[in-house]
C-alpha cells in the first residue's frame, strides 16, 4: 500500500476516534452547563460549542487532574465524559445540515492533503506540515533538556545525552 493511502486510512481511523477525545466530553460539559441554565442550544450549535469546550477546557482540566490523581483516573473520566456526551447527544434534535457536512468534508480533505505523504515515481514527497511539527518538537525538547544556547548531541560529541530515551 503506498504512503498516501496508508495516511488516508490513518486519518480516517483518527477521525472516527477523535469524537471520544474532545466533542463528546465537551457535550458532557455542555449538558452540565445546561443544568445550570447557561447553555440552551440544539443540534449543530451544541456540537460546535461542545467542540470548542472540548478543545479549550479539557486540556487544562486534564493537566490539572493528571497532576492530582494520575493519568489512569483521567482516562476513565474521559471515557465517562464520552459516554455522558453520547447520552446527551441522543436527546438533541438533529437535522441534516448539508452546509456543515460540506465544510467538514472540505476541512478533512485539506487536512489529508496537507498531512499525507505522497509517493511519486521520483520518490516520497513528505508533508511539510509534519516535517515542521517534528522540527518544532525537537527544538522544544532541546530547550527543555539543555536550555539556551541550543546544543545537539548528534553533532557535538562532547555532549552526553541526558534524556532516558536516547542511548548512551
Protein backbone atom coordinates (compact mmCIF):
# COMPACT_ATOMS: atom_id res chain seq x y z
CA UNK A 1 0.00 0.00 0.00
CA UNK A 2 1.55 3.31 -0.92
CA UNK A 3 2.06 6.04 1.67
CA UNK A 4 -0.85 8.25 0.61
CA UNK A 5 -3.45 5.51 1.09
CA UNK A 6 -1.81 4.46 4.33
CA UNK A 7 -2.03 8.06 5.61
CA UNK A 8 -5.64 8.29 4.36
CA UNK A 9 -6.58 5.18 6.33
CA UNK A 10 -4.78 6.54 9.41
CA UNK A 11 -6.67 9.84 9.14
CA UNK A 12 -10.00 8.02 8.70
CA UNK A 13 -9.36 5.96 11.85
CA UNK A 14 -8.28 9.07 13.77
CA UNK A 15 -11.41 10.87 12.57
CA UNK A 16 -13.56 8.03 13.92
CA UNK A 17 -11.76 8.07 17.29
CA UNK A 18 -11.50 11.87 17.64
CA UNK A 19 -15.04 12.48 18.96
CA UNK A 20 -14.17 10.48 22.06
CA UNK A 21 -11.35 12.90 22.88
CA UNK A 22 -12.98 16.33 22.66
CA UNK A 23 -16.52 16.76 21.26
CA UNK A 24 -18.29 14.06 23.29
CA UNK A 25 -16.71 15.04 26.64
CA UNK A 26 -17.41 18.63 25.54
CA UNK A 27 -21.07 17.67 25.08
CA UNK A 28 -20.98 16.29 28.62
CA UNK A 29 -19.67 19.67 29.82
CA UNK A 30 -22.38 21.38 27.79
CA UNK A 31 -25.03 19.14 29.37
CA UNK A 32 -23.64 20.03 32.78
CA UNK A 33 -23.84 23.71 31.85
CA UNK A 34 -27.41 23.25 30.67
CA UNK A 35 -28.34 22.04 34.14
CA UNK A 36 -27.11 25.39 35.46
CA UNK A 37 -29.05 27.26 32.79
CA UNK A 38 -26.27 28.87 30.75
CA UNK A 39 -26.26 26.66 27.67
CA UNK A 40 -29.58 26.11 25.95
CA UNK A 41 -28.99 25.27 22.31
CA UNK A 42 -29.83 22.45 19.99
CA UNK A 43 -28.28 20.20 17.36
CA UNK A 44 -25.32 21.54 15.42
CA UNK A 45 -24.95 24.64 17.60
CA UNK A 46 -24.46 22.37 20.59
CA UNK A 47 -21.95 20.31 18.65
CA UNK A 48 -19.94 23.42 17.75
CA UNK A 49 -19.97 24.73 21.33
CA UNK A 50 -19.10 21.27 22.66
CA UNK A 51 -16.12 21.02 20.31
CA UNK A 52 -14.87 24.39 21.50
CA UNK A 53 -15.36 23.39 25.14
CA UNK A 54 -13.57 20.12 24.49
CA UNK A 55 -10.60 21.81 22.84
CA UNK A 56 -10.37 24.83 25.17
CA UNK A 57 -11.23 23.48 28.62
CA UNK A 58 -10.48 19.74 28.61
CA UNK A 59 -6.68 20.03 28.11
CA UNK A 60 -6.45 22.36 31.12
CA UNK A 61 -8.64 20.06 33.21
CA UNK A 62 -6.60 17.06 32.05
CA UNK A 63 -3.32 18.68 33.04
CA UNK A 64 -4.62 19.63 36.48
CA UNK A 65 -6.25 16.28 37.16
CA UNK A 66 -3.21 14.32 35.91
CA UNK A 67 -1.05 16.13 38.45
CA UNK A 68 -3.51 15.34 41.23
CA UNK A 69 -4.73 11.80 40.52
CA UNK A 70 -2.62 10.46 37.64
CA UNK A 71 -3.39 9.54 34.07
CA UNK A 72 -5.42 6.36 34.75
CA UNK A 73 -8.33 8.05 36.52
CA UNK A 74 -8.26 10.88 33.97
CA UNK A 75 -8.60 8.36 31.13
CA UNK A 76 -11.58 6.82 32.94
CA UNK A 77 -13.10 10.30 33.34
CA UNK A 78 -12.67 10.88 29.60
CA UNK A 79 -14.45 7.62 28.88
CA UNK A 80 -17.27 8.53 31.24
CA UNK A 81 -17.42 12.02 29.71
CA UNK A 82 -17.69 10.47 26.26
CA UNK A 83 -20.50 8.18 27.40
CA UNK A 84 -22.35 11.08 29.05
CA UNK A 85 -21.81 13.12 25.89
CA UNK A 86 -23.32 10.34 23.77
CA UNK A 87 -26.33 10.20 26.09
CA UNK A 88 -26.71 13.98 25.82
CA UNK A 89 -26.32 13.85 22.01
CA UNK A 90 -29.21 11.42 21.70
CA UNK A 91 -31.53 13.95 23.40
CA UNK A 92 -30.67 16.76 20.99
CA UNK A 93 -32.77 17.41 17.91
CA UNK A 94 -30.50 16.87 14.90
CA UNK A 95 -31.45 17.83 11.39
CA UNK A 96 -29.33 17.16 8.34
CA UNK A 97 -27.28 20.24 7.53
CA UNK A 98 -25.57 19.83 4.17
CA UNK A 99 -23.61 23.05 4.63
CA UNK A 100 -21.96 21.82 7.84
CA UNK A 101 -21.25 18.45 6.30
CA UNK A 102 -19.72 20.02 3.16
CA UNK A 103 -17.45 22.27 5.24
CA UNK A 104 -16.42 19.32 7.42
CA UNK A 105 -15.62 17.20 4.35
CA UNK A 106 -13.61 20.02 2.75
CA UNK A 107 -11.71 20.52 6.01
CA UNK A 108 -10.98 16.79 6.23
CA UNK A 109 -9.65 16.81 2.66
CA UNK A 110 -7.50 19.86 3.40
CA UNK A 111 -6.00 18.11 6.45
CA UNK A 112 -5.41 14.97 4.35
CA UNK A 113 -3.67 16.87 1.56
CA UNK A 114 -1.52 18.88 3.97
CA UNK A 115 -0.53 15.97 6.24
CA UNK A 116 -0.24 12.95 3.94
CA UNK A 117 2.96 11.74 2.31
CA UNK A 118 2.57 11.41 -1.44
CA UNK A 119 4.64 8.83 -3.28
CA UNK A 120 5.61 9.54 -6.88
CA UNK A 121 7.89 7.84 -9.37
CA UNK A 122 10.63 10.24 -8.26
CA UNK A 123 10.38 9.35 -4.57
CA UNK A 124 8.37 10.18 -1.50
CA UNK A 125 7.12 13.74 -1.06
CA UNK A 126 6.86 14.21 2.67
CA UNK A 127 4.37 16.60 4.19
CA UNK A 128 6.00 19.90 5.06
CA UNK A 129 3.48 20.36 7.88
CA UNK A 130 4.58 17.13 9.56
CA UNK A 131 8.28 17.87 8.98
CA UNK A 132 7.79 21.32 10.52
CA UNK A 133 5.95 19.87 13.55
CA UNK A 134 8.75 17.35 14.11
CA UNK A 135 11.35 20.13 13.88
CA UNK A 136 9.46 22.25 16.42
CA UNK A 137 9.13 19.28 18.77
CA UNK A 138 12.88 18.61 18.53
CA UNK A 139 13.74 22.25 19.25
CA UNK A 140 11.33 22.35 22.21
CA UNK A 141 12.80 19.13 23.61
CA UNK A 142 16.32 20.54 23.26
CA UNK A 143 15.28 23.75 25.03
CA UNK A 144 13.75 21.84 27.92
CA UNK A 145 16.68 19.45 28.17
CA UNK A 146 19.64 21.83 27.78
CA UNK A 147 18.33 25.39 27.87
CA UNK A 148 19.98 28.06 25.78
CA UNK A 149 22.17 28.02 23.72
CA UNK A 150 20.78 25.03 21.86
CA UNK A 151 23.08 22.04 21.62
CA UNK A 152 22.67 18.89 19.60
CA UNK A 153 24.28 15.71 20.97
CA UNK A 154 24.22 14.21 17.47
CA UNK A 155 26.58 16.93 16.23
CA UNK A 156 28.70 17.76 19.29
CA UNK A 157 30.37 14.58 20.67
CA UNK A 158 31.35 16.33 23.93
CA UNK A 159 27.68 16.44 24.99
CA UNK A 160 26.27 13.35 26.60
CA UNK A 161 22.53 12.81 26.14
CA UNK A 162 20.56 13.41 29.32
CA UNK A 163 17.15 12.14 28.30
CA UNK A 164 16.40 8.48 29.08
CA UNK A 165 15.02 7.91 25.57
CA UNK A 166 18.46 8.20 23.97
CA UNK A 167 21.09 5.52 24.22
CA UNK A 168 24.49 6.43 25.63
